N, C-alpha and C. Protein backbone atom coordinates (compact mmCIF):
# COMPACT_ATOMS: atom_id res chain seq x y z
N UNK A 1 126.83 63.31 108.41
CA UNK A 1 126.45 62.22 109.06
C UNK A 1 126.70 61.27 108.66
N UNK A 2 128.28 61.44 107.35
CA UNK A 2 128.89 60.13 107.22
C UNK A 2 129.35 60.04 107.91
N UNK A 3 130.21 60.79 109.15
CA UNK A 3 131.17 60.38 110.10
C UNK A 3 130.54 59.88 111.39
N UNK A 4 128.77 60.41 111.48
CA UNK A 4 128.54 59.88 112.92
C UNK A 4 128.40 58.61 112.24
N UNK A 5 128.05 57.79 111.39
CA UNK A 5 128.06 57.24 111.04
C UNK A 5 128.61 55.69 111.31
N UNK A 6 130.35 56.26 110.76
CA UNK A 6 131.40 55.39 111.39
C UNK A 6 131.48 55.51 112.81
N UNK A 7 131.01 56.57 113.56
CA UNK A 7 131.57 56.86 114.82
C UNK A 7 130.56 55.54 115.24
N UNK A 8 129.14 55.36 114.75
CA UNK A 8 128.09 54.56 115.41
C UNK A 8 128.95 52.85 115.74
N UNK A 9 129.73 52.94 114.30
CA UNK A 9 129.81 51.38 114.06
C UNK A 9 130.79 51.08 114.67
N UNK A 10 132.22 52.60 115.34
CA UNK A 10 132.88 51.86 115.82
C UNK A 10 132.38 51.84 118.08
N UNK A 11 131.21 52.84 117.87
CA UNK A 11 130.80 52.75 119.23
C UNK A 11 129.96 51.42 119.72
N UNK A 12 129.10 51.03 118.43
CA UNK A 12 128.47 49.78 118.54
C UNK A 12 129.85 48.17 118.79
N UNK A 13 130.60 48.45 118.05
CA UNK A 13 131.58 47.66 118.35
C UNK A 13 132.68 47.35 119.76
N UNK A 14 132.97 48.56 120.27
CA UNK A 14 133.55 49.11 121.72
C UNK A 14 132.55 49.00 122.54
N UNK A 15 131.68 48.64 122.52
CA UNK A 15 130.18 48.73 123.44
C UNK A 15 130.32 46.58 123.32
N UNK A 16 130.60 46.37 122.57
CA UNK A 16 129.98 45.18 122.44
C UNK A 16 131.68 43.93 123.22
N UNK A 17 132.59 44.80 123.41
CA UNK A 17 134.13 44.43 123.54
C UNK A 17 134.90 43.25 122.52
N UNK A 18 133.87 43.83 121.16
CA UNK A 18 134.30 42.11 120.33
C UNK A 18 135.69 43.20 119.75
N UNK A 19 136.14 44.41 119.86
CA UNK A 19 137.39 45.12 119.12
C UNK A 19 138.09 45.68 119.99
N UNK A 20 139.61 46.03 120.20
CA UNK A 20 140.09 46.80 120.64
C UNK A 20 140.18 48.05 120.14
N UNK A 21 140.32 47.63 119.07
CA UNK A 21 140.80 48.85 118.22
C UNK A 21 140.16 48.88 116.73
N UNK A 22 139.75 50.12 115.85
CA UNK A 22 139.26 49.23 114.78
C UNK A 22 138.85 50.76 113.83
N UNK A 23 139.25 50.83 112.70
CA UNK A 23 139.08 51.96 111.53
C UNK A 23 137.82 51.86 111.16
N UNK A 24 137.48 53.22 110.89
CA UNK A 24 135.99 52.61 110.42
C UNK A 24 136.08 53.78 109.02
N UNK A 25 136.38 53.62 107.54
CA UNK A 25 136.20 54.32 106.27
C UNK A 25 137.42 55.51 106.81
N UNK A 26 139.07 54.94 107.24
CA UNK A 26 139.79 55.65 107.10
C UNK A 26 140.06 56.42 108.22
N UNK A 27 139.15 56.15 109.47
CA UNK A 27 139.39 57.05 110.70
C UNK A 27 139.38 56.07 111.80
N UNK A 28 140.59 56.37 112.34
CA UNK A 28 140.38 55.56 113.62
C UNK A 28 139.62 55.45 114.81
N UNK A 29 139.41 54.68 115.84
CA UNK A 29 139.04 54.66 116.87
C UNK A 29 139.06 55.93 117.65
N UNK A 30 140.34 56.45 117.86
CA UNK A 30 141.07 57.70 118.68
C UNK A 30 139.90 58.61 117.99
N UNK A 31 140.22 58.62 117.03
CA UNK A 31 139.46 59.87 115.86
C UNK A 31 138.13 60.12 116.12
N UNK A 32 137.49 58.94 116.30
CA UNK A 32 135.89 59.18 115.97
C UNK A 32 135.89 59.48 117.62
N UNK A 33 136.40 58.72 118.55
CA UNK A 33 136.17 59.12 119.79
C UNK A 33 136.46 60.47 119.81
N UNK A 34 137.27 61.78 119.49
CA UNK A 34 137.58 62.84 119.61
C UNK A 34 136.36 63.48 118.85
N UNK A 35 135.69 63.27 117.81
CA UNK A 35 134.61 63.74 117.37
C UNK A 35 133.78 63.90 117.80
N UNK A 36 133.60 62.85 119.11
CA UNK A 36 132.19 62.52 119.50
C UNK A 36 131.16 63.53 119.77
N UNK A 37 131.59 64.57 120.08
CA UNK A 37 130.57 65.59 121.23
C UNK A 37 130.83 66.77 119.85
N UNK A 38 130.88 66.37 119.17
CA UNK A 38 130.39 67.59 117.64
C UNK A 38 129.82 66.98 116.89
N UNK A 39 129.36 65.84 117.27
CA UNK A 39 128.00 65.04 116.11
C UNK A 39 126.90 64.94 117.12
N UNK A 40 127.16 65.06 118.68
CA UNK A 40 125.84 64.77 119.09
C UNK A 40 125.37 66.36 119.95
N UNK A 41 124.35 66.04 120.58
CA UNK A 41 123.47 67.93 121.02
C UNK A 41 123.85 67.47 122.33
N UNK A 42 124.04 68.44 122.73
CA UNK A 42 124.49 70.10 122.11
C UNK A 42 125.75 70.37 122.04
N UNK A 43 126.41 70.05 120.88
CA UNK A 43 127.44 70.39 120.33
C UNK A 43 127.91 71.58 120.48
N UNK A 44 129.56 71.26 121.11
CA UNK A 44 130.05 72.58 121.47
C UNK A 44 130.64 73.61 120.32
N UNK A 45 130.31 74.82 120.78
CA UNK A 45 130.57 75.91 119.92
C UNK A 45 131.74 76.41 119.36
N UNK A 46 133.07 75.75 120.28
CA UNK A 46 134.25 76.04 119.87
C UNK A 46 134.57 74.70 118.89
N UNK A 47 135.77 75.04 118.09
CA UNK A 47 136.14 74.06 116.97
C UNK A 47 136.36 72.78 117.30
N UNK A 48 136.46 71.91 116.92
CA UNK A 48 136.64 70.65 116.98
C UNK A 48 138.35 70.24 116.89
N UNK A 49 138.68 69.56 117.88
CA UNK A 49 140.38 69.28 118.77
C UNK A 49 141.05 68.83 117.51
N UNK A 50 142.51 69.22 117.71
CA UNK A 50 142.95 68.57 116.58
C UNK A 50 142.77 67.07 116.39
N UNK A 51 142.59 66.02 117.34
CA UNK A 51 142.29 64.89 117.09
C UNK A 51 141.40 64.37 116.45
N UNK A 52 140.57 65.26 116.46
CA UNK A 52 139.21 65.13 115.87
C UNK A 52 139.48 65.11 114.26
N UNK A 53 140.37 66.53 113.90
CA UNK A 53 140.53 67.05 112.48
C UNK A 53 141.31 65.91 111.71
N UNK A 54 142.13 65.77 112.31
CA UNK A 54 143.52 64.75 111.88
C UNK A 54 143.13 63.57 111.85
N UNK A 55 141.94 62.84 112.29
CA UNK A 55 141.55 61.57 112.08
C UNK A 55 140.68 61.99 110.77
N UNK A 56 139.60 62.74 110.77
CA UNK A 56 139.02 62.95 109.65
C UNK A 56 139.76 63.55 108.46
N UNK A 57 140.81 63.75 108.44
CA UNK A 57 141.59 64.39 107.02
C UNK A 57 142.34 63.13 106.66
N UNK A 58 142.25 61.79 106.80
CA UNK A 58 142.07 60.50 106.54
C UNK A 58 140.98 59.65 106.21
N UNK A 59 139.83 60.13 106.34
CA UNK A 59 138.88 59.78 106.04
C UNK A 59 138.80 59.89 104.49
N UNK A 60 137.73 58.37 104.24
CA UNK A 60 137.18 58.01 102.82
C UNK A 60 135.80 58.59 102.79
N UNK A 61 135.68 60.02 102.27
CA UNK A 61 134.12 60.73 102.34
C UNK A 61 133.03 59.65 102.00
N UNK A 62 133.77 59.03 100.58
CA UNK A 62 132.03 57.91 99.72
C UNK A 62 132.41 56.77 100.86
N UNK A 63 133.31 56.56 101.68
CA UNK A 63 132.62 55.16 102.32
C UNK A 63 131.43 55.87 103.48
N UNK A 64 131.85 57.32 103.97
CA UNK A 64 131.08 57.45 104.99
C UNK A 64 129.47 57.47 104.25
N UNK A 65 129.85 58.11 102.84
CA UNK A 65 128.38 58.54 102.20
C UNK A 65 127.20 57.04 102.35
N UNK A 66 128.37 55.97 102.66
CA UNK A 66 127.46 55.05 101.98
C UNK A 66 126.39 54.42 103.59
N UNK A 67 126.52 55.47 104.47
CA UNK A 67 126.26 54.79 105.88
C UNK A 67 125.18 56.43 106.28
N UNK A 68 124.52 57.42 104.98
CA UNK A 68 124.02 58.40 105.61
C UNK A 68 122.73 58.35 106.26
N UNK A 69 122.00 57.58 105.46
CA UNK A 69 120.58 57.34 106.10
C UNK A 69 120.39 56.19 106.73
N UNK A 70 121.17 55.60 107.71
CA UNK A 70 121.03 54.59 108.89
C UNK A 70 120.19 55.05 110.00
N UNK A 71 119.37 54.51 110.30
CA UNK A 71 118.61 54.74 111.42
C UNK A 71 119.59 54.47 112.98
N UNK A 72 120.18 53.87 112.62
CA UNK A 72 121.78 53.44 114.11
C UNK A 72 122.34 54.95 114.43
N UNK A 73 122.80 55.79 113.83
CA UNK A 73 122.96 56.86 114.58
C UNK A 73 122.08 57.76 115.56
N UNK A 74 120.84 58.05 115.10
CA UNK A 74 119.61 58.94 115.92
C UNK A 74 119.63 58.16 117.16
N UNK A 75 119.45 56.52 116.91
CA UNK A 75 119.36 55.89 118.16
C UNK A 75 120.33 55.97 119.00
N UNK A 76 121.72 56.21 118.94
CA UNK A 76 122.92 56.17 119.83
C UNK A 76 123.31 58.14 120.04
N UNK A 77 122.12 58.97 119.52
CA UNK A 77 122.11 60.12 119.81
C UNK A 77 123.09 60.90 119.11
N UNK A 78 123.28 60.32 117.42
CA UNK A 78 124.40 61.41 116.88
C UNK A 78 123.43 61.82 115.83
N UNK A 79 123.38 63.19 115.74
CA UNK A 79 122.49 64.28 114.92
C UNK A 79 123.43 64.20 113.67
N UNK A 80 122.93 63.59 112.76
CA UNK A 80 123.51 63.57 110.98
C UNK A 80 123.67 64.59 110.73
N UNK A 81 122.93 65.60 110.62
CA UNK A 81 123.51 67.25 110.45
C UNK A 81 124.62 67.48 110.87
N UNK A 82 124.79 67.16 112.16
CA UNK A 82 126.13 67.86 113.07
C UNK A 82 127.82 67.12 112.47
N UNK A 83 126.95 65.82 112.08
CA UNK A 83 128.09 65.06 111.74
C UNK A 83 128.25 65.36 110.11
N UNK A 84 127.47 65.56 109.79
CA UNK A 84 127.59 66.02 108.00
C UNK A 84 128.67 67.68 108.01
N UNK A 85 128.52 68.47 109.07
CA UNK A 85 128.90 69.84 109.12
C UNK A 85 130.51 69.49 109.54
N UNK A 86 130.59 68.52 110.08
CA UNK A 86 132.26 68.38 110.80
C UNK A 86 133.27 68.64 109.93
N UNK A 87 133.46 67.81 108.98
CA UNK A 87 134.56 68.45 107.89
C UNK A 87 134.60 69.77 107.76
N UNK A 88 133.62 70.26 107.08
CA UNK A 88 133.70 71.67 107.27
C UNK A 88 133.92 72.14 108.19
N UNK A 89 133.98 72.32 109.34
CA UNK A 89 134.29 72.58 110.72
C UNK A 89 135.93 72.71 110.92
N UNK A 90 136.75 71.89 110.03
CA UNK A 90 137.55 71.42 110.45
C UNK A 90 138.58 71.61 109.43
N UNK A 91 137.76 72.86 108.55
CA UNK A 91 138.65 73.12 107.40
C UNK A 91 139.08 71.93 106.63
N UNK A 92 138.17 71.09 106.03
CA UNK A 92 139.27 69.96 105.15
C UNK A 92 138.83 70.13 103.86
N UNK A 93 138.99 69.87 102.94
CA UNK A 93 139.20 70.50 101.23
C UNK A 93 138.23 69.24 100.58
N UNK A 94 138.49 68.30 101.38
CA UNK A 94 137.25 67.67 100.53
C UNK A 94 136.44 66.22 101.32
N UNK A 95 135.69 67.51 101.66
CA UNK A 95 134.33 67.70 102.76
C UNK A 95 133.29 66.25 102.07
N UNK A 96 132.34 65.58 102.13
CA UNK A 96 131.78 64.76 101.62
C UNK A 96 131.00 65.38 101.22
N UNK A 97 130.38 65.17 99.70
CA UNK A 97 129.05 65.71 99.11
C UNK A 97 127.79 64.48 98.90
N UNK A 98 127.70 64.43 99.82
CA UNK A 98 126.49 63.04 99.67
C UNK A 98 124.93 63.28 99.76
């Protein structure tokens, strides 16, 4: 869910046109965009692409945990459970534990 919250923030900014590029909790907009299909239903069955996992590898998961219970995520079609599962799908050693 933490990744999803970050993605939500980036999407809101990009929808408003306020910024062309933004990092959220250490993940670039490109990394967040690459992960989008894996945090929305229906979720692809294959593993996330390298662009997604590379972006997540630089993430500050403590920062993401601050967004765990946001109401913004579901309003954007982001499934918090899928988002929380994403770091494990990327085999990241420091998955969030919030």
